Amino acid sequence: MEFLKSKAKGELMNYLKKVYACEDFLSDFVVAKGSKKNKIWIMSKELIEFDYGKIKLDSAGLYFGREDSGKIRLSIEGAQIVGKSAKKNIVYLDEVELSKYIKGENVKPSEIIICEEGEYVLVKYKEDVVGCGKFKEGILINILPKSRKITKFN
């Protein structure tokens, strides 16, 4: 696990601001990159002050997302944090679409807020952020991990 320096942390925040038009929230956190799959973790500043000695960490804090072909693929929790202040790249689902999404299906969203083709978007149901997906040709491509899908929903 490697803790990001101020410059790299700033670049990450600038990317998030550009894609989601969100406010700066990373200044309150320490950001680290895991050694596996370009995973990004965020944690409170107090966690970095702990003396880890010779312990090798693979992860710590909250899994925020991962780098994927020059883009950031947010975790559900990462999407919820970004979604608090995001103003673009958001899709809203109605109850039927949400049911399909949670089961792992691709859906055509009922409402689209300034979504860019091929970009990762925040998925909302009413005012709740329920995840992240990829927006392609007007369709929300489902990227929920198997462990987060619900096969029996309504």
N, C-alpha and C. Protein backbone atom coordinates (compact mmCIF):
# COMPACT_ATOMS: atom_id res chain seq x y z
N MET A 1 0.85 -1.18 0.00
CA MET A 1 0.00 0.00 0.00
C MET A 1 0.89 1.24 0.00
N GLU A 2 0.55 2.17 -0.87
CA GLU A 2 1.34 3.40 -1.01
C GLU A 2 0.43 4.61 -0.76
N PHE A 3 0.83 5.47 0.17
CA PHE A 3 0.06 6.68 0.45
C PHE A 3 0.35 7.71 -0.63
N LEU A 4 -0.69 8.33 -1.17
CA LEU A 4 -0.51 9.30 -2.24
C LEU A 4 -0.01 10.63 -1.69
N LYS A 5 0.92 11.22 -2.40
CA LYS A 5 1.44 12.55 -2.07
C LYS A 5 0.39 13.59 -2.46
N SER A 6 0.59 14.80 -2.01
CA SER A 6 -0.37 15.89 -2.26
C SER A 6 -0.67 16.09 -3.74
N LYS A 7 0.35 15.99 -4.59
CA LYS A 7 0.16 16.21 -6.03
C LYS A 7 -0.77 15.14 -6.61
N ALA A 8 -0.51 13.88 -6.32
CA ALA A 8 -1.33 12.78 -6.84
C ALA A 8 -2.75 12.84 -6.28
N LYS A 9 -2.86 13.19 -5.01
CA LYS A 9 -4.17 13.34 -4.37
C LYS A 9 -4.95 14.47 -5.04
N GLY A 10 -4.26 15.58 -5.35
CA GLY A 10 -4.88 16.71 -6.04
C GLY A 10 -5.34 16.34 -7.44
N GLU A 11 -4.54 15.53 -8.15
CA GLU A 11 -4.91 15.08 -9.49
C GLU A 11 -6.17 14.21 -9.43
N LEU A 12 -6.25 13.34 -8.42
CA LEU A 12 -7.43 12.50 -8.24
C LEU A 12 -8.66 13.38 -8.00
N MET A 13 -8.53 14.37 -7.12
CA MET A 13 -9.67 15.24 -6.82
C MET A 13 -10.06 16.06 -8.05
N ASN A 14 -9.08 16.54 -8.81
CA ASN A 14 -9.38 17.30 -10.03
C ASN A 14 -10.14 16.44 -11.03
N TYR A 15 -9.75 15.16 -11.13
CA TYR A 15 -10.45 14.23 -12.02
C TYR A 15 -11.92 14.09 -11.58
N LEU A 16 -12.12 13.89 -10.28
CA LEU A 16 -13.48 13.72 -9.75
C LEU A 16 -14.31 14.99 -9.95
N LYS A 17 -13.69 16.16 -9.78
CA LYS A 17 -14.39 17.44 -10.01
C LYS A 17 -14.79 17.56 -11.47
N LYS A 18 -13.88 17.18 -12.38
CA LYS A 18 -14.15 17.28 -13.81
C LYS A 18 -15.28 16.33 -14.23
N VAL A 19 -15.24 15.11 -13.75
CA VAL A 19 -16.22 14.11 -14.18
C VAL A 19 -17.58 14.30 -13.51
N TYR A 20 -17.60 14.60 -12.21
CA TYR A 20 -18.86 14.65 -11.47
C TYR A 20 -19.27 16.06 -11.02
N ALA A 21 -18.44 17.06 -11.27
CA ALA A 21 -18.71 18.44 -10.81
C ALA A 21 -19.02 18.44 -9.32
N CYS A 22 -18.23 17.70 -8.57
CA CYS A 22 -18.44 17.59 -7.12
C CYS A 22 -17.49 18.54 -6.37
N GLU A 23 -17.77 18.71 -5.09
CA GLU A 23 -16.94 19.56 -4.25
C GLU A 23 -15.72 18.77 -3.77
N ASP A 24 -14.70 19.50 -3.34
CA ASP A 24 -13.49 18.87 -2.80
C ASP A 24 -13.80 18.28 -1.43
N PHE A 25 -13.59 16.98 -1.31
CA PHE A 25 -13.80 16.31 -0.03
C PHE A 25 -12.56 15.54 0.41
N LEU A 26 -11.60 15.36 -0.49
CA LEU A 26 -10.42 14.55 -0.18
C LEU A 26 -9.47 15.21 0.80
N SER A 27 -9.59 16.52 1.00
CA SER A 27 -8.69 17.20 1.93
C SER A 27 -8.87 16.68 3.35
N ASP A 28 -10.01 16.08 3.64
CA ASP A 28 -10.27 15.53 4.98
C ASP A 28 -9.72 14.12 5.16
N PHE A 29 -9.19 13.53 4.08
CA PHE A 29 -8.77 12.13 4.12
C PHE A 29 -7.33 11.93 3.66
N VAL A 30 -6.79 10.78 4.02
CA VAL A 30 -5.54 10.29 3.46
C VAL A 30 -5.96 9.32 2.36
N VAL A 31 -5.27 9.35 1.23
CA VAL A 31 -5.60 8.48 0.11
C VAL A 31 -4.43 7.53 -0.12
N ALA A 32 -4.74 6.26 -0.31
CA ALA A 32 -3.70 5.26 -0.55
C ALA A 32 -4.09 4.40 -1.74
N LYS A 33 -3.07 3.87 -2.39
CA LYS A 33 -3.27 2.95 -3.51
C LYS A 33 -2.79 1.58 -3.07
N GLY A 34 -3.62 0.58 -3.28
CA GLY A 34 -3.24 -0.79 -2.95
C GLY A 34 -2.36 -1.37 -4.03
N SER A 35 -1.72 -2.47 -3.70
CA SER A 35 -0.81 -3.10 -4.66
C SER A 35 -1.56 -3.95 -5.68
N LYS A 36 -2.83 -4.28 -5.40
CA LYS A 36 -3.60 -5.14 -6.30
C LYS A 36 -4.66 -4.34 -7.05
N LYS A 37 -4.73 -4.55 -8.36
CA LYS A 37 -5.79 -4.00 -9.22
C LYS A 37 -5.97 -2.49 -9.13
N ASN A 38 -4.93 -1.75 -8.83
CA ASN A 38 -5.01 -0.29 -8.76
C ASN A 38 -6.13 0.21 -7.86
N LYS A 39 -6.36 -0.48 -6.76
CA LYS A 39 -7.43 -0.10 -5.84
C LYS A 39 -7.05 1.16 -5.07
N ILE A 40 -8.05 1.99 -4.80
CA ILE A 40 -7.87 3.25 -4.08
C ILE A 40 -8.63 3.16 -2.77
N TRP A 41 -7.95 3.54 -1.70
CA TRP A 41 -8.53 3.50 -0.36
C TRP A 41 -8.47 4.90 0.24
N ILE A 42 -9.47 5.28 1.03
CA ILE A 42 -9.41 6.53 1.76
C ILE A 42 -9.58 6.23 3.24
N MET A 43 -8.92 7.04 4.06
CA MET A 43 -8.97 6.81 5.50
C MET A 43 -8.77 8.13 6.24
N SER A 44 -9.12 8.13 7.51
CA SER A 44 -8.93 9.33 8.31
C SER A 44 -7.44 9.59 8.49
N LYS A 45 -7.10 10.83 8.72
CA LYS A 45 -5.69 11.21 8.87
C LYS A 45 -5.05 10.55 10.09
N GLU A 46 -5.85 10.22 11.11
CA GLU A 46 -5.32 9.59 12.32
C GLU A 46 -4.74 8.20 12.01
N LEU A 47 -5.28 7.53 11.02
CA LEU A 47 -4.83 6.18 10.69
C LEU A 47 -3.40 6.16 10.18
N ILE A 48 -2.98 7.22 9.51
CA ILE A 48 -1.62 7.26 8.97
C ILE A 48 -0.58 7.48 10.07
N GLU A 49 -1.01 8.04 11.19
CA GLU A 49 -0.08 8.32 12.29
C GLU A 49 0.26 7.07 13.10
N PHE A 50 -0.48 5.99 12.91
CA PHE A 50 -0.23 4.75 13.63
C PHE A 50 1.11 4.15 13.18
N ASP A 51 1.89 3.61 14.11
CA ASP A 51 3.19 3.01 13.79
C ASP A 51 2.97 1.56 13.34
N TYR A 52 3.08 1.32 12.05
CA TYR A 52 2.86 -0.01 11.50
C TYR A 52 4.10 -0.89 11.59
N GLY A 53 5.23 -0.29 11.92
CA GLY A 53 6.47 -1.07 12.03
C GLY A 53 6.77 -1.81 10.75
N LYS A 54 6.91 -3.11 10.85
CA LYS A 54 7.26 -3.93 9.69
C LYS A 54 6.05 -4.60 9.05
N ILE A 55 4.87 -4.18 9.46
CA ILE A 55 3.65 -4.78 8.91
C ILE A 55 3.45 -4.29 7.48
N LYS A 56 3.20 -5.23 6.56
CA LYS A 56 2.92 -4.87 5.17
C LYS A 56 1.41 -4.86 4.99
N LEU A 57 0.87 -3.71 4.64
CA LEU A 57 -0.57 -3.57 4.46
C LEU A 57 -0.95 -3.71 3.00
N ASP A 58 -2.02 -4.46 2.75
CA ASP A 58 -2.60 -4.53 1.41
C ASP A 58 -3.76 -3.57 1.29
N SER A 59 -4.41 -3.30 2.43
CA SER A 59 -5.55 -2.38 2.42
C SER A 59 -5.77 -1.82 3.81
N ALA A 60 -6.36 -0.64 3.85
CA ALA A 60 -6.75 0.00 5.11
C ALA A 60 -7.76 1.08 4.77
N GLY A 61 -8.70 1.29 5.66
CA GLY A 61 -9.69 2.33 5.44
C GLY A 61 -10.86 1.84 4.61
N LEU A 62 -11.45 2.75 3.87
CA LEU A 62 -12.64 2.47 3.06
C LEU A 62 -12.24 2.30 1.61
N TYR A 63 -12.69 1.21 0.99
CA TYR A 63 -12.42 0.99 -0.43
C TYR A 63 -13.23 2.02 -1.22
N PHE A 64 -12.54 2.89 -1.93
CA PHE A 64 -13.15 4.02 -2.64
C PHE A 64 -13.42 3.70 -4.11
N GLY A 65 -12.54 2.92 -4.72
CA GLY A 65 -12.68 2.60 -6.14
C GLY A 65 -11.36 2.11 -6.69
N ARG A 66 -11.28 2.07 -8.02
CA ARG A 66 -10.02 1.66 -8.64
C ARG A 66 -9.83 2.35 -9.98
N GLU A 67 -8.57 2.43 -10.37
CA GLU A 67 -8.25 2.99 -11.69
C GLU A 67 -8.57 1.94 -12.74
N ASP A 68 -9.21 2.39 -13.81
CA ASP A 68 -9.60 1.48 -14.88
C ASP A 68 -9.47 2.22 -16.21
N SER A 69 -8.42 1.92 -16.94
CA SER A 69 -8.18 2.53 -18.25
C SER A 69 -8.22 4.06 -18.21
N GLY A 70 -7.54 4.64 -17.23
CA GLY A 70 -7.45 6.09 -17.11
C GLY A 70 -8.65 6.75 -16.47
N LYS A 71 -9.61 5.95 -16.03
CA LYS A 71 -10.80 6.48 -15.35
C LYS A 71 -10.86 5.89 -13.95
N ILE A 72 -11.71 6.47 -13.12
CA ILE A 72 -11.89 5.96 -11.76
C ILE A 72 -13.25 5.27 -11.69
N ARG A 73 -13.21 3.99 -11.39
CA ARG A 73 -14.43 3.19 -11.21
C ARG A 73 -14.73 3.17 -9.71
N LEU A 74 -15.74 3.91 -9.30
CA LEU A 74 -16.05 4.05 -7.88
C LEU A 74 -16.72 2.80 -7.31
N SER A 75 -16.41 2.52 -6.05
CA SER A 75 -17.15 1.48 -5.32
C SER A 75 -18.51 2.07 -4.96
N ILE A 76 -19.40 1.25 -4.41
CA ILE A 76 -20.70 1.77 -3.98
C ILE A 76 -20.49 2.86 -2.94
N GLU A 77 -19.60 2.60 -1.98
CA GLU A 77 -19.33 3.58 -0.93
C GLU A 77 -18.67 4.83 -1.49
N GLY A 78 -17.75 4.66 -2.43
CA GLY A 78 -17.12 5.80 -3.09
C GLY A 78 -18.14 6.65 -3.84
N ALA A 79 -19.07 5.97 -4.52
CA ALA A 79 -20.13 6.68 -5.24
C ALA A 79 -21.02 7.47 -4.28
N GLN A 80 -21.27 6.90 -3.10
CA GLN A 80 -22.10 7.60 -2.12
C GLN A 80 -21.40 8.86 -1.61
N ILE A 81 -20.10 8.79 -1.42
CA ILE A 81 -19.34 9.97 -0.96
C ILE A 81 -19.34 11.05 -2.05
N VAL A 82 -19.00 10.67 -3.28
CA VAL A 82 -18.96 11.63 -4.39
C VAL A 82 -20.36 12.17 -4.66
N GLY A 83 -21.36 11.31 -4.55
CA GLY A 83 -22.74 11.68 -4.87
C GLY A 83 -23.35 12.74 -3.98
N LYS A 84 -22.76 12.98 -2.83
CA LYS A 84 -23.30 14.01 -1.92
C LYS A 84 -23.31 15.39 -2.58
N SER A 85 -22.32 15.66 -3.44
CA SER A 85 -22.25 16.99 -4.04
C SER A 85 -22.16 16.97 -5.57
N ALA A 86 -22.28 15.79 -6.19
CA ALA A 86 -22.15 15.68 -7.65
C ALA A 86 -23.29 16.38 -8.37
N LYS A 87 -22.96 16.94 -9.54
CA LYS A 87 -23.95 17.65 -10.33
C LYS A 87 -24.05 17.14 -11.76
N LYS A 88 -23.21 16.19 -12.15
CA LYS A 88 -23.30 15.63 -13.50
C LYS A 88 -22.85 14.17 -13.50
N ASN A 89 -23.05 13.52 -14.64
CA ASN A 89 -22.81 12.08 -14.78
C ASN A 89 -23.58 11.30 -13.72
N ILE A 90 -24.89 11.58 -13.69
CA ILE A 90 -25.80 10.95 -12.75
C ILE A 90 -26.98 10.38 -13.53
N VAL A 91 -27.38 9.16 -13.21
CA VAL A 91 -28.61 8.59 -13.76
C VAL A 91 -29.55 8.27 -12.61
N TYR A 92 -30.83 8.51 -12.85
CA TYR A 92 -31.86 8.19 -11.86
C TYR A 92 -32.66 7.00 -12.38
N LEU A 93 -32.92 6.07 -11.48
CA LEU A 93 -33.72 4.90 -11.82
C LEU A 93 -35.05 4.96 -11.10
N ASP A 94 -36.10 4.46 -11.76
CA ASP A 94 -37.37 4.29 -11.06
C ASP A 94 -37.35 2.92 -10.38
N GLU A 95 -38.43 2.56 -9.73
CA GLU A 95 -38.45 1.32 -8.94
C GLU A 95 -38.24 0.07 -9.80
N VAL A 96 -38.84 0.02 -10.98
CA VAL A 96 -38.69 -1.13 -11.87
C VAL A 96 -37.25 -1.24 -12.36
N GLU A 97 -36.68 -0.10 -12.77
CA GLU A 97 -35.28 -0.09 -13.24
C GLU A 97 -34.33 -0.46 -12.12
N LEU A 98 -34.60 0.02 -10.91
CA LEU A 98 -33.76 -0.31 -9.75
C LEU A 98 -33.77 -1.81 -9.50
N SER A 99 -34.94 -2.43 -9.60
CA SER A 99 -35.08 -3.87 -9.41
C SER A 99 -34.19 -4.63 -10.40
N LYS A 100 -34.20 -4.21 -11.65
CA LYS A 100 -33.36 -4.84 -12.68
C LYS A 100 -31.88 -4.60 -12.40
N TYR A 101 -31.54 -3.36 -12.03
CA TYR A 101 -30.15 -2.99 -11.75
C TYR A 101 -29.58 -3.84 -10.60
N ILE A 102 -30.34 -3.96 -9.52
CA ILE A 102 -29.87 -4.70 -8.35
C ILE A 102 -29.71 -6.19 -8.68
N LYS A 103 -30.46 -6.68 -9.66
CA LYS A 103 -30.32 -8.08 -10.07
C LYS A 103 -29.13 -8.28 -11.01
N GLY A 104 -28.53 -7.16 -11.46
CA GLY A 104 -27.35 -7.26 -12.31
C GLY A 104 -27.60 -6.99 -13.78
N GLU A 105 -28.77 -6.52 -14.13
CA GLU A 105 -29.11 -6.26 -15.53
C GLU A 105 -28.72 -4.84 -15.95
N ASN A 106 -28.49 -4.66 -17.25
CA ASN A 106 -28.31 -3.33 -17.81
C ASN A 106 -29.69 -2.70 -17.96
N VAL A 107 -29.79 -1.38 -17.78
CA VAL A 107 -31.09 -0.71 -17.87
C VAL A 107 -30.99 0.61 -18.62
N LYS A 108 -32.13 1.04 -19.15
CA LYS A 108 -32.23 2.38 -19.75
C LYS A 108 -32.80 3.28 -18.66
N PRO A 109 -31.99 4.23 -18.15
CA PRO A 109 -32.43 5.08 -17.03
C PRO A 109 -33.59 5.99 -17.40
N SER A 110 -34.46 6.26 -16.40
CA SER A 110 -35.60 7.15 -16.63
C SER A 110 -35.18 8.61 -16.69
N GLU A 111 -34.07 8.95 -16.03
CA GLU A 111 -33.58 10.34 -16.06
C GLU A 111 -32.06 10.34 -16.14
N ILE A 112 -31.54 11.22 -16.99
CA ILE A 112 -30.09 11.31 -17.22
C ILE A 112 -29.66 12.75 -16.97
N ILE A 113 -28.67 12.95 -16.08
CA ILE A 113 -28.17 14.29 -15.77
C ILE A 113 -26.76 14.45 -16.35
N ILE A 114 -26.64 15.13 -17.48
CA ILE A 114 -25.37 15.46 -18.13
C ILE A 114 -24.40 14.27 -18.12
N CYS A 115 -24.78 13.19 -18.78
CA CYS A 115 -23.93 11.99 -18.82
C CYS A 115 -23.08 11.97 -20.08
N GLU A 116 -21.80 11.69 -19.89
CA GLU A 116 -20.86 11.61 -21.00
C GLU A 116 -20.73 10.16 -21.45
N GLU A 117 -20.72 9.96 -22.75
CA GLU A 117 -20.61 8.63 -23.34
C GLU A 117 -19.35 7.91 -22.86
N GLY A 118 -19.49 6.66 -22.42
CA GLY A 118 -18.35 5.85 -22.00
C GLY A 118 -17.81 6.17 -20.62
N GLU A 119 -18.48 7.07 -19.90
CA GLU A 119 -18.00 7.48 -18.57
C GLU A 119 -18.71 6.67 -17.49
N TYR A 120 -18.02 6.53 -16.35
CA TYR A 120 -18.67 5.94 -15.18
C TYR A 120 -19.62 6.99 -14.61
N VAL A 121 -20.83 6.55 -14.26
CA VAL A 121 -21.85 7.46 -13.76
C VAL A 121 -22.35 7.00 -12.39
N LEU A 122 -22.88 7.95 -11.63
CA LEU A 122 -23.49 7.64 -10.34
C LEU A 122 -24.91 7.18 -10.59
N VAL A 123 -25.33 6.14 -9.88
CA VAL A 123 -26.68 5.59 -10.03
C VAL A 123 -27.48 5.97 -8.80
N LYS A 124 -28.62 6.65 -9.02
CA LYS A 124 -29.45 7.09 -7.91
C LYS A 124 -30.87 6.54 -8.04
N TYR A 125 -31.45 6.27 -6.88
CA TYR A 125 -32.88 5.97 -6.78
C TYR A 125 -33.44 7.01 -5.82
N LYS A 126 -34.31 7.85 -6.31
CA LYS A 126 -34.79 9.01 -5.56
C LYS A 126 -33.57 9.84 -5.16
N GLU A 127 -33.29 10.01 -3.88
CA GLU A 127 -32.12 10.80 -3.46
C GLU A 127 -30.96 9.93 -2.97
N ASP A 128 -31.11 8.61 -3.04
CA ASP A 128 -30.06 7.70 -2.56
C ASP A 128 -29.15 7.26 -3.68
N VAL A 129 -27.84 7.33 -3.45
CA VAL A 129 -26.87 6.79 -4.40
C VAL A 129 -26.77 5.29 -4.13
N VAL A 130 -27.06 4.49 -5.14
CA VAL A 130 -27.07 3.03 -4.96
C VAL A 130 -25.89 2.35 -5.65
N GLY A 131 -25.07 3.11 -6.36
CA GLY A 131 -23.91 2.50 -6.99
C GLY A 131 -23.34 3.33 -8.12
N CYS A 132 -22.63 2.62 -8.97
CA CYS A 132 -21.92 3.22 -10.09
C CYS A 132 -22.11 2.30 -11.29
N GLY A 133 -22.16 2.86 -12.47
CA GLY A 133 -22.28 2.06 -13.68
C GLY A 133 -21.59 2.79 -14.82
N LYS A 134 -21.58 2.17 -15.98
CA LYS A 134 -20.96 2.80 -17.14
C LYS A 134 -22.08 3.20 -18.10
N PHE A 135 -22.00 4.42 -18.61
CA PHE A 135 -23.03 4.95 -19.51
C PHE A 135 -22.58 4.77 -20.95
N LYS A 136 -23.36 4.00 -21.71
CA LYS A 136 -22.99 3.73 -23.09
C LYS A 136 -24.25 3.69 -23.96
N GLU A 137 -24.30 4.57 -24.95
CA GLU A 137 -25.40 4.63 -25.91
C GLU A 137 -26.77 4.71 -25.22
N GLY A 138 -26.86 5.51 -24.16
CA GLY A 138 -28.12 5.71 -23.46
C GLY A 138 -28.50 4.60 -22.50
N ILE A 139 -27.62 3.63 -22.33
CA ILE A 139 -27.88 2.48 -21.45
C ILE A 139 -26.91 2.52 -20.28
N LEU A 140 -27.41 2.16 -19.10
CA LEU A 140 -26.56 2.01 -17.92
C LEU A 140 -26.04 0.58 -17.91
N ILE A 141 -24.73 0.44 -18.12
CA ILE A 141 -24.09 -0.88 -18.09
C ILE A 141 -23.82 -1.21 -16.63
N ASN A 142 -24.36 -2.33 -16.18
CA ASN A 142 -24.25 -2.73 -14.78
C ASN A 142 -22.86 -3.27 -14.48
N ILE A 143 -22.23 -2.73 -13.44
CA ILE A 143 -20.90 -3.20 -13.02
C ILE A 143 -20.91 -3.63 -11.56
N LEU A 144 -22.10 -3.91 -11.02
CA LEU A 144 -22.18 -4.36 -9.63
C LEU A 144 -21.42 -5.67 -9.47
N PRO A 145 -20.61 -5.79 -8.41
CA PRO A 145 -19.96 -7.08 -8.15
C PRO A 145 -21.01 -8.13 -7.80
N LYS A 146 -20.73 -9.39 -8.10
CA LYS A 146 -21.66 -10.48 -7.80
C LYS A 146 -22.10 -10.47 -6.35
N SER A 147 -21.17 -10.16 -5.47
CA SER A 147 -21.48 -10.19 -4.03
C SER A 147 -22.48 -9.11 -3.62
N ARG A 148 -22.70 -8.11 -4.47
CA ARG A 148 -23.61 -7.02 -4.14
C ARG A 148 -24.95 -7.14 -4.87
N LYS A 149 -25.08 -8.11 -5.77
CA LYS A 149 -26.34 -8.27 -6.50
C LYS A 149 -27.35 -9.00 -5.62
N ILE A 150 -28.61 -8.65 -5.80
CA ILE A 150 -29.69 -9.29 -5.06
C ILE A 150 -30.58 -9.98 -6.08
N THR A 151 -30.66 -11.30 -6.01
CA THR A 151 -31.41 -12.05 -7.02
C THR A 151 -32.91 -12.01 -6.79
N LYS A 152 -33.34 -11.89 -5.54
CA LYS A 152 -34.77 -11.81 -5.24
C LYS A 152 -35.08 -10.43 -4.69
N PHE A 153 -35.68 -9.61 -5.54
CA PHE A 153 -36.03 -8.24 -5.17
C PHE A 153 -37.40 -7.95 -5.74
N ASN A 154 -38.39 -7.80 -4.89
CA ASN A 154 -39.80 -7.59 -5.28
C ASN A 154 -40.25 -8.67 -6.21
